[in-house]
Every structure is written in C-alpha cells, then in structure tokens.
C-alpha cells in the first residue's frame, strides 16, 4: 500500500490495547484504549497513518483513489475471538471460511480485557456500520466474542424502540447467520468461582468479571439473535467433561449446558478443549456448513434448541 501521509512503520497488529473500528478489505482503522488516538494499518500490519479517526479515514480514502482500489462487495463474516486472546487465534478458521466458502472475512481484534461488555459492543457497532458495500453480514464468535455480539444485538433491539438510525437499519437488513463456538450463554461458573481472586480480576478485566457474579445484570442487555444461529459446544461426551469444577460435560471452561441458548437452529457437541475448538478441522467445516446452509451436518440431523413456551 502506498503512503501519502507519513513514513510507514511496522506494528504487531494490535493486541489488548487496540480496537478495530473500520475494515476496508484487510486494511483497518484501530483506536487505542489508553490514548484514544487512531491508526490506519494495511494488510501487512504496517501503520500508514495515525491521529484522529477522521484523519485516518481521509488517508484511507486518498489511498483508495490513488490506487484505484475496488469497493467491498459480497457476503462477509465478522469473526470475534475470546477473552484474553487475539485475532491470531481465529486465523485458521478465517482462512478456511475465505478459501472454502468464498466469504470476505473480517477477523476483528478487540481489547477483551480492557473494556467492559457495553463498550465492546459499541465498538462492534461502529465496525459493522462501517462495512460499506457488503451485502450480507454473518458472525462467528469464540467464547466471550459471542457475548459481545449478543450485547450488540441487544443494543440494536433497545435502539429500535425509539427508532433505528439509518446505519442500524442498514446493518439489520444485512444480517445472515451466526455460529457460536463454546459460548458462555448462561454465564461462566469459573468466573464466579474466582471472582474474589485479585490475580483473576487483573487478568480478565471488567468484561471477564461480568461473565461471573455480575452475569444477572449483564444478561439483561443481551439479545437472542432474531436471525438463524447455531451453537457448537466442547466436551468429552462422557457426562463429566474435562474439568471436575464444572458440573456435567464441559470443555474445561464452559459446560455443555451453559453453552446452550434456546432458539438455536442447530446444536452440536464436539470433543475439544475450550481454547482449541476453533482449530478443529471438523469444527471449521461445521461453521462453514451452517453459514451456507443453516445446519452443521445435514438438515435432517439438525438438533434445534427449542424456545421456552
């Protein structure tokens, strides 16, 4: 990418202190958690500009004009990693969705340990609003990434009561499907167990604590997707799971039962630990199948989670 603004500098791509707020193909505008300033990264994670969001966007527009870059089109998948992880943890899955499914994949980096869940959702809202030209928006989340999406959907539901903005209306009209990988849909038992541990609080931040004892309050702001979604849970299939601190089958962090969310079009349990479920080849195939067809294995073998009467 040419640089009309300043001398390009290599970066690490942003980990826990940067939030992606705009994608254009694989170029990203990020905002720093601590300073609030923004930077424009190219597909190599080289910084092409820094300063205000508007300045970075103006530089991006100039680059697009100078190079004659085509607008974004087609079907997209917005992918969100889990608590304490980075976008690199989702790279293999993203590659599969792009190469085997032909999707335009946006592997989102967000500061999972720095913002509370409401701010994570606001950041996602800005990112989705900026997906100009994309005709269909799907979601895939791992662990806490699913709760960020559900909070975003809850914010949209609340906004609808007073009238959608043009950006929100455009976003909702483009929603396709959503695959949840090892989601803490009923909160996290482990987060509650370690709630008073100072080191735990330091590591997981406010959002991590909200998954524990603060869950009843957080849950008020979460929506069940109004479009098709499926849930993949990890477990051993023996009724006991990997972690004796959790009741029933579990992936070491989340139990199979607490991963469930009523209304899911399909549900499946795979033999996997929590941190590695997205790396399983079979899971990647399940994700792609659901995004394309609305089922993990086949339509006759769907295991829907019925809504409560």
C-alpha atoms as a PDB file:
ATOM      1  CA  UNK A   1       0.000   0.000   0.000  1.00  0.00           C
ATOM      2  CA  UNK A   2       1.348   3.436  -0.914  1.00  0.00           C
ATOM      3  CA  UNK A   3       1.642   6.008   1.823  1.00  0.00           C
ATOM      4  CA  UNK A   4       0.536   9.595   1.175  1.00  0.00           C
ATOM      5  CA  UNK A   5       0.703  10.623   4.826  1.00  0.00           C
ATOM      6  CA  UNK A   6       3.816   9.589   6.723  1.00  0.00           C
ATOM      7  CA  UNK A   7       6.584   7.059   6.687  1.00  0.00           C
ATOM      8  CA  UNK A   8       5.078   3.554   7.118  1.00  0.00           C
ATOM      9  CA  UNK A   9       6.040   1.712  10.283  1.00  0.00           C
ATOM     10  CA  UNK A  10       5.680  -1.994  11.115  1.00  0.00           C
ATOM     11  CA  UNK A  11       3.447  -2.908  14.078  1.00  0.00           C
ATOM     12  CA  UNK A  12       2.366  -6.070  15.850  1.00  0.00           C
ATOM     13  CA  UNK A  13      -1.165  -5.521  14.599  1.00  0.00           C
ATOM     14  CA  UNK A  14      -2.682  -4.530  17.934  1.00  0.00           C
ATOM     15  CA  UNK A  15      -3.461  -6.898  20.806  1.00  0.00           C
ATOM     16  CA  UNK A  16      -5.219  -5.978  24.048  1.00  0.00           C
ATOM     17  CA  UNK A  17      -4.904  -2.204  23.706  1.00  0.00           C
ATOM     18  CA  UNK A  18      -6.322  -1.645  20.227  1.00  0.00           C
ATOM     19  CA  UNK A  19      -9.892  -1.927  18.941  1.00  0.00           C
ATOM     20  CA  UNK A  20     -10.686  -2.366  15.257  1.00  0.00           C
ATOM     21  CA  UNK A  21     -13.334   0.176  14.212  1.00  0.00           C
ATOM     22  CA  UNK A  22     -13.240   0.054  10.406  1.00  0.00           C
ATOM     23  CA  UNK A  23     -12.270  -2.505   7.789  1.00  0.00           C
ATOM     24  CA  UNK A  24     -11.662  -1.876   4.111  1.00  0.00           C
ATOM     25  CA  UNK A  25     -10.685  -5.247   2.697  1.00  0.00           C
ATOM     26  CA  UNK A  26      -7.815  -6.130   5.087  1.00  0.00           C
ATOM     27  CA  UNK A  27      -6.886  -2.546   5.975  1.00  0.00           C
ATOM     28  CA  UNK A  28      -8.026  -1.491   9.432  1.00  0.00           C
ATOM     29  CA  UNK A  29      -8.500   1.665  11.435  1.00  0.00           C
ATOM     30  CA  UNK A  30      -7.902   0.971  15.120  1.00  0.00           C
ATOM     31  CA  UNK A  31      -8.406   3.032  18.270  1.00  0.00           C
ATOM     32  CA  UNK A  32      -6.044   2.858  21.246  1.00  0.00           C
ATOM     33  CA  UNK A  33      -7.730   2.050  24.568  1.00  0.00           C
ATOM     34  CA  UNK A  34      -5.472   4.289  26.638  1.00  0.00           C
ATOM     35  CA  UNK A  35      -4.924   7.354  24.473  1.00  0.00           C
ATOM     36  CA  UNK A  36      -7.971   7.278  22.214  1.00  0.00           C
ATOM     37  CA  UNK A  37      -5.897   8.048  19.144  1.00  0.00           C
ATOM     38  CA  UNK A  38      -6.321   6.034  15.952  1.00  0.00           C
ATOM     39  CA  UNK A  39      -4.063   4.479  13.361  1.00  0.00           C
ATOM     40  CA  UNK A  40      -4.501   3.022   9.900  1.00  0.00           C
ATOM     41  CA  UNK A  41      -2.923  -0.388   9.291  1.00  0.00           C
ATOM     42  CA  UNK A  42      -2.504  -2.040   5.916  1.00  0.00           C
ATOM     43  CA  UNK A  43      -2.831  -5.764   5.196  1.00  0.00           C
ATOM     44  CA  UNK A  44       0.743  -6.318   6.455  1.00  0.00           C
ATOM     45  CA  UNK A  45       0.011  -4.532   9.770  1.00  0.00           C
ATOM     46  CA  UNK A  46       2.165  -1.586   8.726  1.00  0.00           C
ATOM     47  CA  UNK A  47       0.961   1.755  10.065  1.00  0.00           C
ATOM     48  CA  UNK A  48       0.093   4.110   7.226  1.00  0.00           C
ATOM     49  CA  UNK A  49      -1.336   6.980   9.276  1.00  0.00           C
ATOM     50  CA  UNK A  50      -2.130   7.972  12.851  1.00  0.00           C
ATOM     51  CA  UNK A  51      -4.127  10.655  14.616  1.00  0.00           C
ATOM     52  CA  UNK A  52      -7.882  11.115  14.704  1.00  0.00           C
ATOM     53  CA  UNK A  53     -10.326   8.624  13.213  1.00  0.00           C
ATOM     54  CA  UNK A  54     -11.363  11.159  10.573  1.00  0.00           C
ATOM     55  CA  UNK A  55      -7.748  11.774   9.599  1.00  0.00           C
ATOM     56  CA  UNK A  56      -7.047   8.040   9.227  1.00  0.00           C
ATOM     57  CA  UNK A  57     -10.203   7.618   7.168  1.00  0.00           C
ATOM     58  CA  UNK A  58      -9.235  10.537   4.926  1.00  0.00           C
ATOM     59  CA  UNK A  59      -5.834   8.936   4.315  1.00  0.00           C
ATOM     60  CA  UNK A  60      -7.532   5.637   3.509  1.00  0.00           C
ATOM     61  CA  UNK A  61      -9.823   7.393   1.019  1.00  0.00           C
ATOM     62  CA  UNK A  62      -6.813   9.001  -0.609  1.00  0.00           C
ATOM     63  CA  UNK A  63      -5.075   5.628  -0.911  1.00  0.00           C
ATOM     64  CA  UNK A  64      -8.218   4.087  -2.405  1.00  0.00           C
ATOM     65  CA  UNK A  65      -8.374   6.833  -5.051  1.00  0.00           C
ATOM     66  CA  UNK A  66      -4.661   6.794  -5.842  1.00  0.00           C
ATOM     67  CA  UNK A  67      -4.555   3.039  -6.290  1.00  0.00           C
ATOM     68  CA  UNK A  68      -7.989   2.618  -7.796  1.00  0.00           C
ATOM     69  CA  UNK A  69      -8.961   0.061  -5.149  1.00  0.00           C
ATOM     70  CA  UNK A  70     -12.335  -1.590  -5.785  1.00  0.00           C
ATOM     71  CA  UNK A  71     -15.211  -1.213  -3.306  1.00  0.00           C
ATOM     72  CA  UNK A  72     -16.114  -4.092  -1.000  1.00  0.00           C
ATOM     73  CA  UNK A  73     -18.974  -6.338  -2.095  1.00  0.00           C
ATOM     74  CA  UNK A  74     -20.442  -9.759  -1.389  1.00  0.00           C
ATOM     75  CA  UNK A  75     -21.034 -11.836   1.708  1.00  0.00           C
ATOM     76  CA  UNK A  76     -18.923 -11.255   4.812  1.00  0.00           C
ATOM     77  CA  UNK A  77     -18.185 -12.995   8.092  1.00  0.00           C
ATOM     78  CA  UNK A  78     -17.299 -10.911  11.137  1.00  0.00           C
ATOM     79  CA  UNK A  79     -15.177 -13.083  13.451  1.00  0.00           C
ATOM     80  CA  UNK A  80     -14.555 -12.298  17.132  1.00  0.00           C
ATOM     81  CA  UNK A  81     -12.023 -14.051  19.368  1.00  0.00           C
ATOM     82  CA  UNK A  82     -12.456 -14.889  23.035  1.00  0.00           C
ATOM     83  CA  UNK A  83     -11.391 -13.351  26.339  1.00  0.00           C
ATOM     84  CA  UNK A  84      -7.667 -12.679  26.625  1.00  0.00           C
ATOM     85  CA  UNK A  85      -6.991 -13.905  23.098  1.00  0.00           C
ATOM     86  CA  UNK A  86      -6.119 -12.050  19.901  1.00  0.00           C
ATOM     87  CA  UNK A  87      -7.323 -12.237  16.317  1.00  0.00           C
ATOM     88  CA  UNK A  88      -4.453 -14.608  15.504  1.00  0.00           C
ATOM     89  CA  UNK A  89      -6.288 -17.320  17.480  1.00  0.00           C
ATOM     90  CA  UNK A  90      -9.002 -17.279  14.795  1.00  0.00           C
ATOM     91  CA  UNK A  91      -6.677 -17.193  11.778  1.00  0.00           C
ATOM     92  CA  UNK A  92      -7.037 -20.854  10.755  1.00  0.00           C
ATOM     93  CA  UNK A  93     -10.826 -20.681  10.853  1.00  0.00           C
ATOM     94  CA  UNK A  94     -10.829 -17.412   8.923  1.00  0.00           C
ATOM     95  CA  UNK A  95      -8.599 -18.916   6.249  1.00  0.00           C
ATOM     96  CA  UNK A  96     -10.985 -21.864   5.890  1.00  0.00           C
ATOM     97  CA  UNK A  97     -14.050 -19.618   5.530  1.00  0.00           C
ATOM     98  CA  UNK A  98     -12.320 -17.473   2.948  1.00  0.00           C
ATOM     99  CA  UNK A  99     -10.735 -20.236   0.860  1.00  0.00           C
ATOM    100  CA  UNK A 100     -13.518 -22.855   1.041  1.00  0.00           C
ATOM    101  CA  UNK A 101     -16.527 -20.589   1.313  1.00  0.00           C
ATOM    102  CA  UNK A 102     -15.509 -17.532  -0.664  1.00  0.00           C
ATOM    103  CA  UNK A 103     -16.526 -15.195   2.133  1.00  0.00           C
ATOM    104  CA  UNK A 104     -14.960 -11.830   2.776  1.00  0.00           C
ATOM    105  CA  UNK A 105     -13.697 -12.414   6.313  1.00  0.00           C
ATOM    106  CA  UNK A 106     -13.075  -9.673   8.857  1.00  0.00           C
ATOM    107  CA  UNK A 107     -11.015 -11.067  11.722  1.00  0.00           C
ATOM    108  CA  UNK A 108     -11.695  -8.496  14.419  1.00  0.00           C
ATOM    109  CA  UNK A 109      -9.188  -7.523  17.068  1.00  0.00           C
ATOM    110  CA  UNK A 110     -10.677  -6.011  20.209  1.00  0.00           C
ATOM    111  CA  UNK A 111      -9.389  -5.252  23.744  1.00  0.00           C
ATOM    112  CA  UNK A 112     -11.253  -8.043  25.547  1.00  0.00           C
ATOM    113  CA  UNK A 113      -9.568  -7.421  28.911  1.00  0.00           C
ATOM    114  CA  UNK A 114      -9.710  -3.625  28.813  1.00  0.00           C
ATOM    115  CA  UNK A 115     -13.296  -2.590  28.051  1.00  0.00           C
ATOM    116  CA  UNK A 116     -16.497  -3.668  29.750  1.00  0.00           C
ATOM    117  CA  UNK A 117     -19.017  -5.534  27.631  1.00  0.00           C
ATOM    118  CA  UNK A 118     -21.056  -2.438  26.776  1.00  0.00           C
ATOM    119  CA  UNK A 119     -18.043  -0.681  25.290  1.00  0.00           C
ATOM    120  CA  UNK A 120     -17.013  -3.838  23.429  1.00  0.00           C
ATOM    121  CA  UNK A 121     -20.486  -3.870  21.860  1.00  0.00           C
ATOM    122  CA  UNK A 122     -20.327  -0.177  20.959  1.00  0.00           C
ATOM    123  CA  UNK A 123     -17.026  -0.775  19.179  1.00  0.00           C
ATOM    124  CA  UNK A 124     -18.528  -3.688  17.238  1.00  0.00           C
ATOM    125  CA  UNK A 125     -21.485  -1.499  16.313  1.00  0.00           C
ATOM    126  CA  UNK A 126     -19.170   1.123  14.815  1.00  0.00           C
ATOM    127  CA  UNK A 127     -17.288  -1.554  12.896  1.00  0.00           C
ATOM    128  CA  UNK A 128     -20.447  -3.087  11.400  1.00  0.00           C
ATOM    129  CA  UNK A 129     -21.788   0.354  10.481  1.00  0.00           C
ATOM    130  CA  UNK A 130     -18.587   0.953   8.515  1.00  0.00           C
ATOM    131  CA  UNK A 131     -18.864  -2.199   6.358  1.00  0.00           C
ATOM    132  CA  UNK A 132     -19.810  -0.219   3.283  1.00  0.00           C
ATOM    133  CA  UNK A 133     -20.724  -2.242   0.207  1.00  0.00           C
ATOM    134  CA  UNK A 134     -21.099  -5.587   1.996  1.00  0.00           C
ATOM    135  CA  UNK A 135     -24.412  -7.224   1.096  1.00  0.00           C
ATOM    136  CA  UNK A 136     -24.660  -9.882   3.847  1.00  0.00           C
ATOM    137  CA  UNK A 137     -23.110  -9.886   7.304  1.00  0.00           C
ATOM    138  CA  UNK A 138     -22.623 -13.143   9.220  1.00  0.00           C
ATOM    139  CA  UNK A 139     -20.995 -13.600  12.626  1.00  0.00           C
ATOM    140  CA  UNK A 140     -18.745 -16.228  14.184  1.00  0.00           C
ATOM    141  CA  UNK A 141     -17.635 -15.884  17.790  1.00  0.00           C
ATOM    142  CA  UNK A 142     -15.475 -17.848  20.163  1.00  0.00           C
ATOM    143  CA  UNK A 143     -16.275 -17.788  23.870  1.00  0.00           C
ATOM    144  CA  UNK A 144     -16.763 -14.186  25.051  1.00  0.00           C
ATOM    145  CA  UNK A 145     -16.841 -12.952  21.460  1.00  0.00           C
ATOM    146  CA  UNK A 146     -20.374 -14.374  21.287  1.00  0.00           C
ATOM    147  CA  UNK A 147     -21.481 -12.305  24.257  1.00  0.00           C
ATOM    148  CA  UNK A 148     -20.123  -9.167  22.606  1.00  0.00           C
ATOM    149  CA  UNK A 149     -22.298  -9.925  19.563  1.00  0.00           C
ATOM    150  CA  UNK A 150     -25.337 -10.642  21.738  1.00  0.00           C
ATOM    151  CA  UNK A 151     -24.828  -7.350  23.592  1.00  0.00           C
ATOM    152  CA  UNK A 152     -24.588  -5.546  20.262  1.00  0.00           C
ATOM    153  CA  UNK A 153     -27.846  -7.174  19.166  1.00  0.00           C
ATOM    154  CA  UNK A 154     -29.402  -6.193  22.488  1.00  0.00           C
ATOM    155  CA  UNK A 155     -28.320  -2.596  21.923  1.00  0.00           C
ATOM    156  CA  UNK A 156     -29.947  -2.673  18.487  1.00  0.00           C
ATOM    157  CA  UNK A 157     -33.172  -4.067  19.961  1.00  0.00           C
ATOM    158  CA  UNK A 158     -33.210  -1.246  22.500  1.00  0.00           C
ATOM    159  CA  UNK A 159     -32.482   1.345  19.816  1.00  0.00           C
ATOM    160  CA  UNK A 160     -35.363   0.046  17.703  1.00  0.00           C
ATOM    161  CA  UNK A 161     -37.829   1.124  20.385  1.00  0.00           C
ATOM    162  CA  UNK A 162     -37.043   4.780  19.721  1.00  0.00           C
ATOM    163  CA  UNK A 163     -36.407   4.382  16.004  1.00  0.00           C
ATOM    164  CA  UNK A 164     -33.414   2.950  14.196  1.00  0.00           C
ATOM    165  CA  UNK A 165     -30.734   5.190  12.781  1.00  0.00           C
ATOM    166  CA  UNK A 166     -30.095   4.753   9.071  1.00  0.00           C
ATOM    167  CA  UNK A 167     -26.867   2.879   9.882  1.00  0.00           C
ATOM    168  CA  UNK A 168     -28.614   0.473  12.280  1.00  0.00           C
ATOM    169  CA  UNK A 169     -31.422  -0.182   9.805  1.00  0.00           C
ATOM    170  CA  UNK A 170     -28.905  -0.920   7.075  1.00  0.00           C
ATOM    171  CA  UNK A 171     -26.979  -3.291   9.363  1.00  0.00           C
ATOM    172  CA  UNK A 172     -30.011  -5.298  10.498  1.00  0.00           C
ATOM    173  CA  UNK A 173     -31.222  -5.730   6.931  1.00  0.00           C
ATOM    174  CA  UNK A 174     -27.924  -7.419   6.041  1.00  0.00           C
ATOM    175  CA  UNK A 175     -27.674  -9.957   8.887  1.00  0.00           C
ATOM    176  CA  UNK A 176     -27.332 -13.555   7.711  1.00  0.00           C
ATOM    177  CA  UNK A 177     -26.344 -16.292  10.184  1.00  0.00           C
ATOM    178  CA  UNK A 178     -24.353 -16.598  13.414  1.00  0.00           C
ATOM    179  CA  UNK A 179     -22.232 -19.505  14.690  1.00  0.00           C
ATOM    180  CA  UNK A 180     -21.327 -19.570  18.385  1.00  0.00           C
ATOM    181  CA  UNK A 181     -18.242 -21.576  19.385  1.00  0.00           C
ATOM    182  CA  UNK A 182     -18.091 -22.543  23.082  1.00  0.00           C
ATOM    183  CA  UNK A 183     -20.244 -19.592  24.162  1.00  0.00           C
ATOM    184  CA  UNK A 184     -20.873 -18.796  27.850  1.00  0.00           C
ATOM    185  CA  UNK A 185     -24.534 -18.191  27.094  1.00  0.00           C
ATOM    186  CA  UNK A 186     -25.556 -18.711  30.722  1.00  0.00           C
ATOM    187  CA  UNK A 187     -22.503 -17.015  32.202  1.00  0.00           C
ATOM    188  CA  UNK A 188     -19.296 -18.602  33.451  1.00  0.00           C
ATOM    189  CA  UNK A 189     -19.169 -20.788  36.552  1.00  0.00           C
ATOM    190  CA  UNK A 190     -15.374 -20.468  36.695  1.00  0.00           C
ATOM    191  CA  UNK A 191     -15.583 -16.677  36.581  1.00  0.00           C
ATOM    192  CA  UNK A 192     -17.863 -16.830  39.626  1.00  0.00           C
ATOM    193  CA  UNK A 193     -15.560 -19.240  41.487  1.00  0.00           C
ATOM    194  CA  UNK A 194     -12.545 -16.959  41.036  1.00  0.00           C
ATOM    195  CA  UNK A 195     -14.422 -13.662  41.373  1.00  0.00           C
ATOM    196  CA  UNK A 196     -12.578 -12.642  44.548  1.00  0.00           C
ATOM    197  CA  UNK A 197      -9.133 -13.602  43.266  1.00  0.00           C
ATOM    198  CA  UNK A 198      -7.073 -10.427  42.705  1.00  0.00           C
ATOM    199  CA  UNK A 199      -4.932 -12.005  40.004  1.00  0.00           C
ATOM    200  CA  UNK A 200      -8.009 -13.240  38.161  1.00  0.00           C
ATOM    201  CA  UNK A 201      -9.533  -9.759  38.249  1.00  0.00           C
ATOM    202  CA  UNK A 202      -6.318  -8.285  36.901  1.00  0.00           C
ATOM    203  CA  UNK A 203      -6.103 -10.788  34.056  1.00  0.00           C
ATOM    204  CA  UNK A 204      -9.700 -10.880  32.808  1.00  0.00           C
ATOM    205  CA  UNK A 205     -10.683  -7.256  33.373  1.00  0.00           C
ATOM    206  CA  UNK A 206     -14.202  -5.917  33.782  1.00  0.00           C
ATOM    207  CA  UNK A 207     -15.737  -7.900  30.929  1.00  0.00           C
ATOM    208  CA  UNK A 208     -14.418 -11.165  32.351  1.00  0.00           C
ATOM    209  CA  UNK A 209     -15.897 -10.367  35.740  1.00  0.00           C
ATOM    210  CA  UNK A 210     -19.241  -9.594  34.135  1.00  0.00           C
ATOM    211  CA  UNK A 211     -19.393 -13.220  32.997  1.00  0.00           C
ATOM    212  CA  UNK A 212     -19.305 -14.331  36.646  1.00  0.00           C
ATOM    213  CA  UNK A 213     -21.201 -12.843  39.567  1.00  0.00           C
ATOM    214  CA  UNK A 214     -22.258  -9.833  37.507  1.00  0.00           C
ATOM    215  CA  UNK A 215     -23.940 -12.086  34.954  1.00  0.00           C
ATOM    216  CA  UNK A 216     -27.570 -11.430  36.079  1.00  0.00           C
ATOM    217  CA  UNK A 217     -27.120  -7.727  35.351  1.00  0.00           C
ATOM    218  CA  UNK A 218     -25.201  -8.301  32.114  1.00  0.00           C
ATOM    219  CA  UNK A 219     -27.791 -10.766  30.827  1.00  0.00           C
ATOM    220  CA  UNK A 220     -30.430  -8.025  30.816  1.00  0.00           C
ATOM    221  CA  UNK A 221     -28.587  -6.376  27.940  1.00  0.00           C
ATOM    222  CA  UNK A 222     -28.119  -9.493  25.805  1.00  0.00           C
ATOM    223  CA  UNK A 223     -30.403 -10.475  22.951  1.00  0.00           C
ATOM    224  CA  UNK A 224     -31.138 -13.844  21.426  1.00  0.00           C
ATOM    225  CA  UNK A 225     -30.396 -13.419  17.705  1.00  0.00           C
ATOM    226  CA  UNK A 226     -33.525 -12.836  15.634  1.00  0.00           C
ATOM    227  CA  UNK A 227     -31.823 -14.493  12.662  1.00  0.00           C
ATOM    228  CA  UNK A 228     -30.557 -18.082  12.324  1.00  0.00           C
ATOM    229  CA  UNK A 229     -27.834 -19.142  14.763  1.00  0.00           C
ATOM    230  CA  UNK A 230     -26.151 -22.386  15.773  1.00  0.00           C
ATOM    231  CA  UNK A 231     -24.127 -23.431  18.819  1.00  0.00           C
ATOM    232  CA  UNK A 232     -21.013 -25.618  18.942  1.00  0.00           C
ATOM    233  CA  UNK A 233     -20.060 -26.794  22.438  1.00  0.00           C
ATOM    234  CA  UNK A 234     -16.922 -28.647  23.501  1.00  0.00           C
ATOM    235  CA  UNK A 235     -16.985 -31.719  25.733  1.00  0.00           C
ATOM    236  CA  UNK A 236     -15.829 -35.286  26.213  1.00  0.00           C
ATOM    237  CA  UNK A 237     -19.202 -36.913  25.690  1.00  0.00           C
ATOM    238  CA  UNK A 238     -18.913 -38.826  28.971  1.00  0.00           C
ATOM    239  CA  UNK A 239     -21.187 -36.675  31.109  1.00  0.00           C
ATOM    240  CA  UNK A 240     -18.214 -35.457  33.178  1.00  0.00           C
ATOM    241  CA  UNK A 241     -16.085 -33.346  30.887  1.00  0.00           C
ATOM    242  CA  UNK A 242     -12.550 -32.062  31.252  1.00  0.00           C
ATOM    243  CA  UNK A 243     -12.912 -30.008  34.439  1.00  0.00           C
ATOM    244  CA  UNK A 244     -14.232 -31.503  37.708  1.00  0.00           C
ATOM    245  CA  UNK A 245     -15.073 -27.988  38.967  1.00  0.00           C
ATOM    246  CA  UNK A 246     -17.868 -27.844  36.411  1.00  0.00           C
ATOM    247  CA  UNK A 247     -20.995 -29.968  36.546  1.00  0.00           C
ATOM    248  CA  UNK A 248     -21.752 -32.254  33.621  1.00  0.00           C
ATOM    249  CA  UNK A 249     -19.929 -32.454  30.324  1.00  0.00           C
ATOM    250  CA  UNK A 250     -17.686 -29.478  29.637  1.00  0.00           C
ATOM    251  CA  UNK A 251     -14.733 -28.194  27.618  1.00  0.00           C
ATOM    252  CA  UNK A 252     -12.667 -27.290  30.678  1.00  0.00           C
ATOM    253  CA  UNK A 253     -14.088 -23.759  30.867  1.00  0.00           C
ATOM    254  CA  UNK A 254     -17.725 -23.838  29.753  1.00  0.00           C
ATOM    255  CA  UNK A 255     -20.203 -26.634  30.411  1.00  0.00           C
ATOM    256  CA  UNK A 256     -22.283 -28.023  27.576  1.00  0.00           C
ATOM    257  CA  UNK A 257     -25.490 -26.979  29.308  1.00  0.00           C
ATOM    258  CA  UNK A 258     -24.418 -23.360  29.839  1.00  0.00           C
ATOM    259  CA  UNK A 259     -23.357 -23.086  26.195  1.00  0.00           C
ATOM    260  CA  UNK A 260     -26.935 -23.689  25.093  1.00  0.00           C
ATOM    261  CA  UNK A 261     -29.247 -20.885  24.046  1.00  0.00           C
ATOM    262  CA  UNK A 262     -32.910 -21.503  23.334  1.00  0.00           C
ATOM    263  CA  UNK A 263     -33.847 -20.710  19.763  1.00  0.00           C
ATOM    264  CA  UNK A 264     -30.696 -22.145  18.180  1.00  0.00           C
ATOM    265  CA  UNK A 265     -31.423 -23.697  14.799  1.00  0.00           C
ATOM    266  CA  UNK A 266     -28.757 -26.367  15.383  1.00  0.00           C
ATOM    267  CA  UNK A 267     -26.605 -27.567  18.272  1.00  0.00           C
ATOM    268  CA  UNK A 268     -23.667 -29.954  18.345  1.00  0.00           C
ATOM    269  CA  UNK A 269     -21.074 -31.161  20.862  1.00  0.00           C
ATOM    270  CA  UNK A 270     -17.527 -31.826  19.668  1.00  0.00           C
ATOM    271  CA  UNK A 271     -14.608 -33.464  21.531  1.00  0.00           C
ATOM    272  CA  UNK A 272     -12.479 -30.421  22.284  1.00  0.00           C
ATOM    273  CA  UNK A 273     -10.985 -28.246  24.976  1.00  0.00           C
ATOM    274  CA  UNK A 274     -12.319 -24.703  25.137  1.00  0.00           C
ATOM    275  CA  UNK A 275      -9.248 -22.891  23.821  1.00  0.00           C
ATOM    276  CA  UNK A 276      -8.810 -25.031  20.732  1.00  0.00           C
ATOM    277  CA  UNK A 277     -12.328 -25.672  19.431  1.00  0.00           C
ATOM    278  CA  UNK A 278     -11.931 -23.214  16.516  1.00  0.00           C
ATOM    279  CA  UNK A 279      -8.766 -25.029  15.359  1.00  0.00           C
ATOM    280  CA  UNK A 280     -10.527 -28.365  14.865  1.00  0.00           C
ATOM    281  CA  UNK A 281     -10.854 -29.123  11.136  1.00  0.00           C
ATOM    282  CA  UNK A 282     -14.275 -30.676  11.649  1.00  0.00           C
ATOM    283  CA  UNK A 283     -15.478 -27.612  13.548  1.00  0.00           C
ATOM    284  CA  UNK A 284     -14.309 -25.367  10.740  1.00  0.00           C
ATOM    285  CA  UNK A 285     -16.361 -27.495   8.342  1.00  0.00           C
ATOM    286  CA  UNK A 286     -19.364 -27.266  10.658  1.00  0.00           C
ATOM    287  CA  UNK A 287     -19.067 -23.482  10.777  1.00  0.00           C
ATOM    288  CA  UNK A 288     -18.922 -23.182   7.005  1.00  0.00           C
ATOM    289  CA  UNK A 289     -21.840 -25.595   6.564  1.00  0.00           C
ATOM    290  CA  UNK A 290     -24.024 -23.609   8.940  1.00  0.00           C
ATOM    291  CA  UNK A 291     -23.183 -20.282   7.319  1.00  0.00           C
ATOM    292  CA  UNK A 292     -24.035 -21.700   3.907  1.00  0.00           C
ATOM    293  CA  UNK A 293     -26.977 -23.962   4.704  1.00  0.00           C
ATOM    294  CA  UNK A 294     -28.218 -23.376   8.251  1.00  0.00           C
ATOM    295  CA  UNK A 295     -27.085 -26.748   9.637  1.00  0.00           C
ATOM    296  CA  UNK A 296     -23.865 -28.350  10.874  1.00  0.00           C
ATOM    297  CA  UNK A 297     -24.213 -31.869   9.418  1.00  0.00           C
ATOM    298  CA  UNK A 298     -27.437 -32.009   7.414  1.00  0.00           C
ATOM    299  CA  UNK A 299     -30.950 -30.658   7.713  1.00  0.00           C
ATOM    300  CA  UNK A 300     -32.449 -33.994   8.883  1.00  0.00           C
ATOM    301  CA  UNK A 301     -29.760 -34.226  11.580  1.00  0.00           C
ATOM    302  CA  UNK A 302     -30.280 -30.751  12.990  1.00  0.00           C
ATOM    303  CA  UNK A 303     -30.646 -30.571  16.785  1.00  0.00           C
ATOM    304  CA  UNK A 304     -32.538 -27.349  17.416  1.00  0.00           C
ATOM    305  CA  UNK A 305     -32.789 -25.903  20.895  1.00  0.00           C
ATOM    306  CA  UNK A 306     -36.456 -25.126  21.306  1.00  0.00           C
ATOM    307  CA  UNK A 307     -37.565 -21.797  22.651  1.00  0.00           C
ATOM    308  CA  UNK A 308     -39.220 -21.841  26.038  1.00  0.00           C
ATOM    309  CA  UNK A 309     -43.051 -21.611  25.901  1.00  0.00           C
END
